[in-house]
């Protein structure tokens, strides 16, 4: 599967996750987002999802924190007052377009 198609599915899964969020903070791991997007739990899908989340983190859409000192797993955090959260809540289709455009730069 091409990376552009994967990114589109991951963006849709992230938007769905934010729309259905009940609290004020959402924490995401690459494995859980890959499963939510329907990519499975194989190593290549998880690595591609992690690369996608790192791109969003570089553009300051997500904040990161280490899972533990021994583990190299990152947990990505979105809060209710973050720009991406507000954009998804106001207009999910526009948020999808913006994220895909930014990721393809």
PDB file of N, CA and C in Angstrom:
ATOM      1  N   UNK A   1       0.849  -1.180   0.000  1.00  0.00           N
ATOM      2  CA  UNK A   1       0.000   0.000   0.000  1.00  0.00           C
ATOM      3  C   UNK A   1       0.893   1.241   0.000  1.00  0.00           C
ATOM      4  N   UNK A   2       0.536   2.215  -0.813  1.00  0.00           N
ATOM      5  CA  UNK A   2       1.329   3.439  -0.910  1.00  0.00           C
ATOM      6  C   UNK A   2       1.206   4.278   0.353  1.00  0.00           C
ATOM      7  N   UNK A   3       2.270   5.035   0.630  1.00  0.00           N
ATOM      8  CA  UNK A   3       2.310   5.827   1.851  1.00  0.00           C
ATOM      9  C   UNK A   3       1.241   6.914   1.859  1.00  0.00           C
ATOM     10  N   UNK A   4       0.882   7.451   0.694  1.00  0.00           N
ATOM     11  CA  UNK A   4      -0.152   8.493   0.637  1.00  0.00           C
ATOM     12  C   UNK A   4      -1.513   7.942   1.074  1.00  0.00           C
ATOM     13  N   UNK A   5      -1.797   6.713   0.658  1.00  0.00           N
ATOM     14  CA  UNK A   5      -3.054   6.074   1.052  1.00  0.00           C
ATOM     15  C   UNK A   5      -3.048   5.786   2.551  1.00  0.00           C
ATOM     16  N   UNK A   6      -1.904   5.334   3.048  1.00  0.00           N
ATOM     17  CA  UNK A   6      -1.784   5.083   4.480  1.00  0.00           C
ATOM     18  C   UNK A   6      -1.985   6.368   5.273  1.00  0.00           C
ATOM     19  N   UNK A   7      -1.355   7.448   4.821  1.00  0.00           N
ATOM     20  CA  UNK A   7      -1.516   8.723   5.522  1.00  0.00           C
ATOM     21  C   UNK A   7      -2.972   9.167   5.544  1.00  0.00           C
ATOM     22  N   UNK A   8      -3.671   8.977   4.436  1.00  0.00           N
ATOM     23  CA  UNK A   8      -5.084   9.360   4.379  1.00  0.00           C
ATOM     24  C   UNK A   8      -5.900   8.552   5.388  1.00  0.00           C
ATOM     25  N   UNK A   9      -5.640   7.256   5.461  1.00  0.00           N
ATOM     26  CA  UNK A   9      -6.363   6.416   6.418  1.00  0.00           C
ATOM     27  C   UNK A   9      -6.014   6.793   7.854  1.00  0.00           C
ATOM     28  N   UNK A  10      -4.740   7.145   8.086  1.00  0.00           N
ATOM     29  CA  UNK A  10      -4.327   7.541   9.432  1.00  0.00           C
ATOM     30  C   UNK A  10      -4.940   8.883   9.826  1.00  0.00           C
ATOM     31  N   UNK A  11      -5.027   9.817   8.889  1.00  0.00           N
ATOM     32  CA  UNK A  11      -5.667  11.109   9.164  1.00  0.00           C
ATOM     33  C   UNK A  11      -7.135  10.899   9.499  1.00  0.00           C
ATOM     34  N   UNK A  12      -7.805  10.059   8.734  1.00  0.00           N
ATOM     35  CA  UNK A  12      -9.220   9.779   9.005  1.00  0.00           C
ATOM     36  C   UNK A  12      -9.402   9.133  10.373  1.00  0.00           C
ATOM     37  N   UNK A  13      -8.517   8.219  10.739  1.00  0.00           N
ATOM     38  CA  UNK A  13      -8.607   7.560  12.048  1.00  0.00           C
ATOM     39  C   UNK A  13      -8.352   8.554  13.174  1.00  0.00           C
ATOM     40  N   UNK A  14      -7.384   9.447  12.982  1.00  0.00           N
ATOM     41  CA  UNK A  14      -7.085  10.455  14.003  1.00  0.00           C
ATOM     42  C   UNK A  14      -8.258  11.403  14.185  1.00  0.00           C
ATOM     43  N   UNK A  15      -8.871  11.821  13.093  1.00  0.00           N
ATOM     44  CA  UNK A  15     -10.030  12.711  13.174  1.00  0.00           C
ATOM     45  C   UNK A  15     -11.202  12.002  13.856  1.00  0.00           C
ATOM     46  N   UNK A  16     -11.411  10.757  13.515  1.00  0.00           N
ATOM     47  CA  UNK A  16     -12.476   9.981  14.158  1.00  0.00           C
ATOM     48  C   UNK A  16     -12.225   9.849  15.655  1.00  0.00           C
ATOM     49  N   UNK A  17     -10.975   9.640  16.018  1.00  0.00           N
ATOM     50  CA  UNK A  17     -10.617   9.532  17.429  1.00  0.00           C
ATOM     51  C   UNK A  17     -10.901  10.829  18.176  1.00  0.00           C
ATOM     52  N   UNK A  18     -10.590  11.950  17.558  1.00  0.00           N
ATOM     53  CA  UNK A  18     -10.824  13.240  18.211  1.00  0.00           C
ATOM     54  C   UNK A  18     -12.306  13.605  18.269  1.00  0.00           C
ATOM     55  N   UNK A  19     -13.045  13.244  17.241  1.00  0.00           N
ATOM     56  CA  UNK A  19     -14.481  13.528  17.245  1.00  0.00           C
ATOM     57  C   UNK A  19     -15.179  12.750  18.361  1.00  0.00           C
ATOM     58  N   UNK A  20     -14.764  11.506  18.567  1.00  0.00           N
ATOM     59  CA  UNK A  20     -15.405  10.653  19.558  1.00  0.00           C
ATOM     60  C   UNK A  20     -14.798  10.764  20.947  1.00  0.00           C
ATOM     61  N   UNK A  21     -13.835  11.655  21.138  1.00  0.00           N
ATOM     62  CA  UNK A  21     -13.199  11.803  22.447  1.00  0.00           C
ATOM     63  C   UNK A  21     -14.194  12.357  23.460  1.00  0.00           C
ATOM     64  N   UNK A  22     -14.149  11.807  24.649  1.00  0.00           N
ATOM     65  CA  UNK A  22     -15.073  12.248  25.691  1.00  0.00           C
ATOM     66  C   UNK A  22     -14.417  13.186  26.692  1.00  0.00           C
ATOM     67  N   UNK A  23     -13.133  13.032  26.887  1.00  0.00           N
ATOM     68  CA  UNK A  23     -12.434  13.854  27.864  1.00  0.00           C
ATOM     69  C   UNK A  23     -11.802  15.078  27.231  1.00  0.00           C
ATOM     70  N   UNK A  24     -10.806  15.625  27.927  1.00  0.00           N
ATOM     71  CA  UNK A  24     -10.127  16.812  27.436  1.00  0.00           C
ATOM     72  C   UNK A  24      -8.711  16.515  26.975  1.00  0.00           C
ATOM     73  N   UNK A  25      -8.278  15.259  27.107  1.00  0.00           N
ATOM     74  CA  UNK A  25      -6.947  14.853  26.674  1.00  0.00           C
ATOM     75  C   UNK A  25      -7.056  13.511  25.969  1.00  0.00           C
ATOM     76  N   UNK A  26      -6.364  13.391  24.833  1.00  0.00           N
ATOM     77  CA  UNK A  26      -6.287  12.128  24.119  1.00  0.00           C
ATOM     78  C   UNK A  26      -4.816  11.762  23.998  1.00  0.00           C
ATOM     79  N   UNK A  27      -4.480  10.550  24.423  1.00  0.00           N
ATOM     80  CA  UNK A  27      -3.114  10.081  24.231  1.00  0.00           C
ATOM     81  C   UNK A  27      -3.138   8.948  23.213  1.00  0.00           C
ATOM     82  N   UNK A  28      -2.167   8.990  22.317  1.00  0.00           N
ATOM     83  CA  UNK A  28      -2.148   8.073  21.186  1.00  0.00           C
ATOM     84  C   UNK A  28      -0.799   7.391  21.126  1.00  0.00           C
ATOM     85  N   UNK A  29      -0.811   6.100  20.880  1.00  0.00           N
ATOM     86  CA  UNK A  29       0.415   5.369  20.574  1.00  0.00           C
ATOM     87  C   UNK A  29       0.297   4.885  19.130  1.00  0.00           C
ATOM     88  N   UNK A  30       1.425   4.668  18.503  1.00  0.00           N
ATOM     89  CA  UNK A  30       1.429   4.272  17.096  1.00  0.00           C
ATOM     90  C   UNK A  30       0.687   2.958  16.888  1.00  0.00           C
ATOM     91  N   UNK A  31       0.832   2.020  17.816  1.00  0.00           N
ATOM     92  CA  UNK A  31       0.161   0.726  17.651  1.00  0.00           C
ATOM     93  C   UNK A  31      -1.352   0.878  17.682  1.00  0.00           C
ATOM     94  N   UNK A  32      -1.857   1.700  18.594  1.00  0.00           N
ATOM     95  CA  UNK A  32      -3.312   1.845  18.703  1.00  0.00           C
ATOM     96  C   UNK A  32      -3.888   2.595  17.502  1.00  0.00           C
ATOM     97  N   UNK A  33      -3.178   3.599  16.994  1.00  0.00           N
ATOM     98  CA  UNK A  33      -3.670   4.327  15.827  1.00  0.00           C
ATOM     99  C   UNK A  33      -3.636   3.454  14.574  1.00  0.00           C
ATOM    100  N   UNK A  34      -2.604   2.622  14.453  1.00  0.00           N
ATOM    101  CA  UNK A  34      -2.514   1.707  13.301  1.00  0.00           C
ATOM    102  C   UNK A  34      -3.683   0.733  13.305  1.00  0.00           C
ATOM    103  N   UNK A  35      -4.016   0.206  14.473  1.00  0.00           N
ATOM    104  CA  UNK A  35      -5.151  -0.717  14.570  1.00  0.00           C
ATOM    105  C   UNK A  35      -6.463  -0.009  14.276  1.00  0.00           C
ATOM    106  N   UNK A  36      -6.610   1.228  14.777  1.00  0.00           N
ATOM    107  CA  UNK A  36      -7.827   1.993  14.547  1.00  0.00           C
ATOM    108  C   UNK A  36      -8.005   2.315  13.066  1.00  0.00           C
ATOM    109  N   UNK A  37      -6.905   2.541  12.363  1.00  0.00           N
ATOM    110  CA  UNK A  37      -6.962   2.855  10.927  1.00  0.00           C
ATOM    111  C   UNK A  37      -7.151   1.611  10.078  1.00  0.00           C
ATOM    112  N   UNK A  38      -7.106   0.437  10.686  1.00  0.00           N
ATOM    113  CA  UNK A  38      -7.300  -0.802   9.945  1.00  0.00           C
ATOM    114  C   UNK A  38      -6.050  -1.289   9.248  1.00  0.00           C
ATOM    115  N   UNK A  39      -4.886  -0.862   9.719  1.00  0.00           N
ATOM    116  CA  UNK A  39      -3.629  -1.269   9.101  1.00  0.00           C
ATOM    117  C   UNK A  39      -3.056  -2.535   9.711  1.00  0.00           C
ATOM    118  N   UNK A  40      -3.625  -2.971  10.813  1.00  0.00           N
ATOM    119  CA  UNK A  40      -3.130  -4.158  11.478  1.00  0.00           C
ATOM    120  C   UNK A  40      -2.068  -3.815  12.497  1.00  0.00           C
ATOM    121  N   UNK A  41      -1.423  -4.855  13.010  1.00  0.00           N
ATOM    122  CA  UNK A  41      -0.418  -4.628  14.048  1.00  0.00           C
ATOM    123  C   UNK A  41       0.950  -5.167  13.638  1.00  0.00           C
ATOM    124  N   UNK A  42       1.179  -5.315  12.334  1.00  0.00           N
ATOM    125  CA  UNK A  42       2.498  -5.768  11.912  1.00  0.00           C
ATOM    126  C   UNK A  42       3.502  -4.619  12.028  1.00  0.00           C
ATOM    127  N   UNK A  43       4.762  -4.968  12.056  1.00  0.00           N
ATOM    128  CA  UNK A  43       5.821  -4.014  12.352  1.00  0.00           C
ATOM    129  C   UNK A  43       5.884  -2.867  11.341  1.00  0.00           C
ATOM    130  N   UNK A  44       5.710  -3.155  10.084  1.00  0.00           N
ATOM    131  CA  UNK A  44       5.806  -2.087   9.069  1.00  0.00           C
ATOM    132  C   UNK A  44       4.676  -1.072   9.213  1.00  0.00           C
ATOM    133  N   UNK A  45       3.489  -1.527   9.534  1.00  0.00           N
ATOM    134  CA  UNK A  45       2.358  -0.610   9.726  1.00  0.00           C
ATOM    135  C   UNK A  45       2.594   0.285  10.942  1.00  0.00           C
ATOM    136  N   UNK A  46       3.141  -0.282  11.997  1.00  0.00           N
ATOM    137  CA  UNK A  46       3.413   0.496  13.206  1.00  0.00           C
ATOM    138  C   UNK A  46       4.505   1.527  12.940  1.00  0.00           C
ATOM    139  N   UNK A  47       5.537   1.150  12.195  1.00  0.00           N
ATOM    140  CA  UNK A  47       6.609   2.100  11.872  1.00  0.00           C
ATOM    141  C   UNK A  47       6.105   3.243  10.992  1.00  0.00           C
ATOM    142  N   UNK A  48       5.250   2.932  10.033  1.00  0.00           N
ATOM    143  CA  UNK A  48       4.690   3.977   9.183  1.00  0.00           C
ATOM    144  C   UNK A  48       3.778   4.903   9.978  1.00  0.00           C
ATOM    145  N   UNK A  49       3.043   4.341  10.917  1.00  0.00           N
ATOM    146  CA  UNK A  49       2.188   5.148  11.776  1.00  0.00           C
ATOM    147  C   UNK A  49       3.028   6.036  12.681  1.00  0.00           C
ATOM    148  N   UNK A  50       4.117   5.496  13.201  1.00  0.00           N
ATOM    149  CA  UNK A  50       5.012   6.293  14.045  1.00  0.00           C
ATOM    150  C   UNK A  50       5.629   7.438  13.249  1.00  0.00           C
ATOM    151  N   UNK A  51       5.997   7.190  11.997  1.00  0.00           N
ATOM    152  CA  UNK A  51       6.533   8.245  11.137  1.00  0.00           C
ATOM    153  C   UNK A  51       5.482   9.332  10.902  1.00  0.00           C
ATOM    154  N   UNK A  52       4.246   8.928  10.697  1.00  0.00           N
ATOM    155  CA  UNK A  52       3.139   9.868  10.521  1.00  0.00           C
ATOM    156  C   UNK A  52       2.963  10.737  11.767  1.00  0.00           C
ATOM    157  N   UNK A  53       2.981  10.121  12.941  1.00  0.00           N
ATOM    158  CA  UNK A  53       2.813  10.865  14.185  1.00  0.00           C
ATOM    159  C   UNK A  53       4.003  11.789  14.442  1.00  0.00           C
ATOM    160  N   UNK A  54       5.198  11.366  14.052  1.00  0.00           N
ATOM    161  CA  UNK A  54       6.370  12.229  14.201  1.00  0.00           C
ATOM    162  C   UNK A  54       6.262  13.464  13.313  1.00  0.00           C
ATOM    163  N   UNK A  55       5.734  13.295  12.107  1.00  0.00           N
ATOM    164  CA  UNK A  55       5.531  14.449  11.222  1.00  0.00           C
ATOM    165  C   UNK A  55       4.580  15.446  11.862  1.00  0.00           C
ATOM    166  N   UNK A  56       3.481  14.954  12.412  1.00  0.00           N
ATOM    167  CA  UNK A  56       2.525  15.845  13.067  1.00  0.00           C
ATOM    168  C   UNK A  56       3.150  16.515  14.286  1.00  0.00           C
ATOM    169  N   UNK A  57       4.011  15.804  14.966  1.00  0.00           N
ATOM    170  CA  UNK A  57       4.682  16.357  16.132  1.00  0.00           C
ATOM    171  C   UNK A  57       5.655  17.466  15.734  1.00  0.00           C
ATOM    172  N   UNK A  58       6.325  17.297  14.611  1.00  0.00           N
ATOM    173  CA  UNK A  58       7.253  18.332  14.130  1.00  0.00           C
ATOM    174  C   UNK A  58       6.520  19.623  13.783  1.00  0.00           C
ATOM    175  N   UNK A  59       5.290  19.511  13.312  1.00  0.00           N
ATOM    176  CA  UNK A  59       4.491  20.689  12.999  1.00  0.00           C
ATOM    177  C   UNK A  59       3.717  21.210  14.211  1.00  0.00           C
ATOM    178  N   UNK A  60       4.031  20.671  15.378  1.00  0.00           N
ATOM    179  CA  UNK A  60       3.453  21.111  16.662  1.00  0.00           C
ATOM    180  C   UNK A  60       1.948  20.860  16.772  1.00  0.00           C
ATOM    181  N   UNK A  61       1.442  19.868  16.058  1.00  0.00           N
ATOM    182  CA  UNK A  61       0.043  19.478  16.228  1.00  0.00           C
ATOM    183  C   UNK A  61      -0.127  18.559  17.431  1.00  0.00           C
ATOM    184  N   UNK A  62       0.917  17.792  17.747  1.00  0.00           N
ATOM    185  CA  UNK A  62       0.900  16.850  18.857  1.00  0.00           C
ATOM    186  C   UNK A  62       2.089  17.125  19.760  1.00  0.00           C
ATOM    187  N   UNK A  63       1.941  16.842  21.030  1.00  0.00           N
ATOM    188  CA  UNK A  63       3.099  16.871  21.919  1.00  0.00           C
ATOM    189  C   UNK A  63       3.479  15.426  22.229  1.00  0.00           C
ATOM    190  N   UNK A  64       4.731  15.218  22.591  1.00  0.00           N
ATOM    191  CA  UNK A  64       5.218  13.858  22.811  1.00  0.00           C
ATOM    192  C   UNK A  64       5.737  13.696  24.220  1.00  0.00           C
ATOM    193  N   UNK A  65       5.718  12.459  24.675  1.00  0.00           N
ATOM    194  CA  UNK A  65       6.384  12.097  25.919  1.00  0.00           C
ATOM    195  C   UNK A  65       6.787  10.633  25.816  1.00  0.00           C
ATOM    196  N   UNK A  66       7.887  10.302  26.478  1.00  0.00           N
ATOM    197  CA  UNK A  66       8.357   8.916  26.469  1.00  0.00           C
ATOM    198  C   UNK A  66       7.440   8.064  27.331  1.00  0.00           C
ATOM    199  N   UNK A  67       7.251   6.831  26.904  1.00  0.00           N
ATOM    200  CA  UNK A  67       6.449   5.892  27.683  1.00  0.00           C
ATOM    201  C   UNK A  67       7.192   5.542  28.972  1.00  0.00           C
ATOM    202  N   UNK A  68       8.451   5.202  28.866  1.00  0.00           N
ATOM    203  CA  UNK A  68       9.291   4.935  30.029  1.00  0.00           C
ATOM    204  C   UNK A  68      10.739   5.171  29.624  1.00  0.00           C
ATOM    205  N   UNK A  69      11.645   5.135  30.579  1.00  0.00           N
ATOM    206  CA  UNK A  69      13.049   5.388  30.262  1.00  0.00           C
ATOM    207  C   UNK A  69      13.676   4.227  29.499  1.00  0.00           C
ATOM    208  N   UNK A  70      13.231   3.038  29.740  1.00  0.00           N
ATOM    209  CA  UNK A  70      13.787   1.863  29.068  1.00  0.00           C
ATOM    210  C   UNK A  70      13.208   1.655  27.680  1.00  0.00           C
ATOM    211  N   UNK A  71      11.959   1.976  27.537  1.00  0.00           N
ATOM    212  CA  UNK A  71      11.236   1.730  26.296  1.00  0.00           C
ATOM    213  C   UNK A  71      11.381   2.924  25.354  1.00  0.00           C
ATOM    214  N   UNK A  72      11.486   2.675  24.068  1.00  0.00           N
ATOM    215  CA  UNK A  72      11.599   3.754  23.090  1.00  0.00           C
ATOM    216  C   UNK A  72      10.245   4.169  22.522  1.00  0.00           C
ATOM    217  N   UNK A  73       9.182   3.688  23.101  1.00  0.00           N
ATOM    218  CA  UNK A  73       7.842   4.003  22.641  1.00  0.00           C
ATOM    219  C   UNK A  73       7.460   5.419  23.054  1.00  0.00           C
ATOM    220  N   UNK A  74       6.875   6.157  22.133  1.00  0.00           N
ATOM    221  CA  UNK A  74       6.383   7.499  22.422  1.00  0.00           C
ATOM    222  C   UNK A  74       4.877   7.472  22.570  1.00  0.00           C
ATOM    223  N   UNK A  75       4.398   8.345  23.422  1.00  0.00           N
ATOM    224  CA  UNK A  75       2.972   8.576  23.566  1.00  0.00           C
ATOM    225  C   UNK A  75       2.733  10.005  23.091  1.00  0.00           C
ATOM    226  N   UNK A  76       1.808  10.163  22.168  1.00  0.00           N
ATOM    227  CA  UNK A  76       1.499  11.469  21.600  1.00  0.00           C
ATOM    228  C   UNK A  76       0.252  12.001  22.276  1.00  0.00           C
ATOM    229  N   UNK A  77       0.298  13.250  22.694  1.00  0.00           N
ATOM    230  CA  UNK A  77      -0.758  13.839  23.507  1.00  0.00           C
ATOM    231  C   UNK A  77      -1.440  14.977  22.744  1.00  0.00           C
ATOM    232  N   UNK A  78      -2.749  14.977  22.767  1.00  0.00           N
ATOM    233  CA  UNK A  78      -3.567  16.078  22.240  1.00  0.00           C
ATOM    234  C   UNK A  78      -4.494  16.552  23.347  1.00  0.00           C
ATOM    235  N   UNK A  79      -4.527  17.855  23.558  1.00  0.00           N
ATOM    236  CA  UNK A  79      -5.388  18.435  24.590  1.00  0.00           C
ATOM    237  C   UNK A  79      -6.528  19.197  23.934  1.00  0.00           C
ATOM    238  N   UNK A  80      -7.586  19.401  24.682  1.00  0.00           N
ATOM    239  CA  UNK A  80      -8.786  20.046  24.142  1.00  0.00           C
ATOM    240  C   UNK A  80      -8.536  21.473  23.673  1.00  0.00           C
ATOM    241  N   UNK A  81      -7.546  22.145  24.224  1.00  0.00           N
ATOM    242  CA  UNK A  81      -7.274  23.512  23.799  1.00  0.00           C
ATOM    243  C   UNK A  81      -6.216  23.609  22.704  1.00  0.00           C
ATOM    244  N   UNK A  82      -5.760  22.469  22.169  1.00  0.00           N
ATOM    245  CA  UNK A  82      -4.807  22.478  21.056  1.00  0.00           C
ATOM    246  C   UNK A  82      -5.503  22.861  19.760  1.00  0.00           C
ATOM    247  N   UNK A  83      -4.715  23.405  18.843  1.00  0.00           N
ATOM    248  CA  UNK A  83      -5.256  23.893  17.574  1.00  0.00           C
ATOM    249  C   UNK A  83      -5.903  22.779  16.753  1.00  0.00           C
ATOM    250  N   UNK A  84      -5.263  21.619  16.687  1.00  0.00           N
ATOM    251  CA  UNK A  84      -5.804  20.513  15.900  1.00  0.00           C
ATOM    252  C   UNK A  84      -7.144  20.045  16.464  1.00  0.00           C
ATOM    253  N   UNK A  85      -7.241  19.937  17.770  1.00  0.00           N
ATOM    254  CA  UNK A  85      -8.482  19.507  18.408  1.00  0.00           C
ATOM    255  C   UNK A  85      -9.610  20.474  18.058  1.00  0.00           C
ATOM    256  N   UNK A  86      -9.347  21.770  18.185  1.00  0.00           N
ATOM    257  CA  UNK A  86     -10.366  22.774  17.892  1.00  0.00           C
ATOM    258  C   UNK A  86     -10.789  22.742  16.430  1.00  0.00           C
ATOM    259  N   UNK A  87      -9.808  22.550  15.541  1.00  0.00           N
ATOM    260  CA  UNK A  87     -10.103  22.498  14.112  1.00  0.00           C
ATOM    261  C   UNK A  87     -10.973  21.291  13.778  1.00  0.00           C
ATOM    262  N   UNK A  88     -10.664  20.148  14.357  1.00  0.00           N
ATOM    263  CA  UNK A  88     -11.445  18.927  14.104  1.00  0.00           C
ATOM    264  C   UNK A  88     -12.855  19.082  14.641  1.00  0.00           C
ATOM    265  N   UNK A  89     -13.004  19.686  15.791  1.00  0.00           N
ATOM    266  CA  UNK A  89     -14.344  19.864  16.374  1.00  0.00           C
ATOM    267  C   UNK A  89     -15.197  20.834  15.556  1.00  0.00           C
ATOM    268  N   UNK A  90     -14.561  21.875  14.995  1.00  0.00           N
ATOM    269  CA  UNK A  90     -15.311  22.844  14.204  1.00  0.00           C
ATOM    270  C   UNK A  90     -15.668  22.316  12.825  1.00  0.00           C
ATOM    271  N   UNK A  91     -14.671  21.769  12.109  1.00  0.00           N
ATOM    272  CA  UNK A  91     -14.880  21.343  10.731  1.00  0.00           C
ATOM    273  C   UNK A  91     -13.961  20.163  10.408  1.00  0.00           C
ATOM    274  N   UNK A  92     -14.434  18.929  10.586  1.00  0.00           N
ATOM    275  CA  UNK A  92     -13.591  17.753  10.366  1.00  0.00           C
ATOM    276  C   UNK A  92     -13.082  17.618   8.928  1.00  0.00           C
ATOM    277  N   UNK A  93     -13.892  17.957   7.945  1.00  0.00           N
ATOM    278  CA  UNK A  93     -13.453  17.832   6.559  1.00  0.00           C
ATOM    279  C   UNK A  93     -12.324  18.811   6.242  1.00  0.00           C
ATOM    280  N   UNK A  94     -12.441  20.017   6.739  1.00  0.00           N
ATOM    281  CA  UNK A  94     -11.373  21.011   6.544  1.00  0.00           C
ATOM    282  C   UNK A  94     -10.099  20.562   7.249  1.00  0.00           C
ATOM    283  N   UNK A  95     -10.234  19.994   8.435  1.00  0.00           N
ATOM    284  CA  UNK A  95      -9.069  19.500   9.172  1.00  0.00           C
ATOM    285  C   UNK A  95      -8.377  18.393   8.387  1.00  0.00           C
ATOM    286  N   UNK A  96      -9.170  17.524   7.779  1.00  0.00           N
ATOM    287  CA  UNK A  96      -8.611  16.440   6.971  1.00  0.00           C
ATOM    288  C   UNK A  96      -7.829  16.989   5.788  1.00  0.00           C
ATOM    289  N   UNK A  97      -8.403  17.967   5.092  1.00  0.00           N
ATOM    290  CA  UNK A  97      -7.725  18.579   3.952  1.00  0.00           C
ATOM    291  C   UNK A  97      -6.421  19.239   4.371  1.00  0.00           C
ATOM    292  N   UNK A  98      -6.456  19.979   5.463  1.00  0.00           N
ATOM    293  CA  UNK A  98      -5.272  20.690   5.931  1.00  0.00           C
ATOM    294  C   UNK A  98      -4.171  19.716   6.331  1.00  0.00           C
ATOM    295  N   UNK A  99      -4.534  18.667   7.062  1.00  0.00           N
ATOM    296  CA  UNK A  99      -3.523  17.699   7.497  1.00  0.00           C
ATOM    297  C   UNK A  99      -2.885  16.986   6.301  1.00  0.00           C
ATOM    298  N   UNK A 100      -3.675  16.589   5.353  1.00  0.00           N
ATOM    299  CA  UNK A 100      -3.120  15.896   4.179  1.00  0.00           C
ATOM    300  C   UNK A 100      -2.228  16.833   3.383  1.00  0.00           C
ATOM    301  N   UNK A 101      -2.640  18.090   3.259  1.00  0.00           N
ATOM    302  CA  UNK A 101      -1.829  19.074   2.531  1.00  0.00           C
ATOM    303  C   UNK A 101      -0.494  19.297   3.238  1.00  0.00           C
ATOM    304  N   UNK A 102      -0.528  19.447   4.532  1.00  0.00           N
ATOM    305  CA  UNK A 102       0.697  19.680   5.309  1.00  0.00           C
ATOM    306  C   UNK A 102       1.628  18.471   5.233  1.00  0.00           C
ATOM    307  N   UNK A 103       1.077  17.285   5.298  1.00  0.00           N
ATOM    308  CA  UNK A 103       1.905  16.080   5.295  1.00  0.00           C
ATOM    309  C   UNK A 103       2.553  15.824   3.942  1.00  0.00           C
ATOM    310  N   UNK A 104       2.001  16.363   2.882  1.00  0.00           N
ATOM    311  CA  UNK A 104       2.567  16.143   1.554  1.00  0.00           C
ATOM    312  C   UNK A 104       3.549  17.228   1.125  1.00  0.00           C
ATOM    313  N   UNK A 105       3.849  18.159   2.023  1.00  0.00           N
ATOM    314  CA  UNK A 105       4.830  19.210   1.704  1.00  0.00           C
ATOM    315  C   UNK A 105       6.231  18.661   1.753  1.00  0.00           C
TER     316      UNK A 105
END
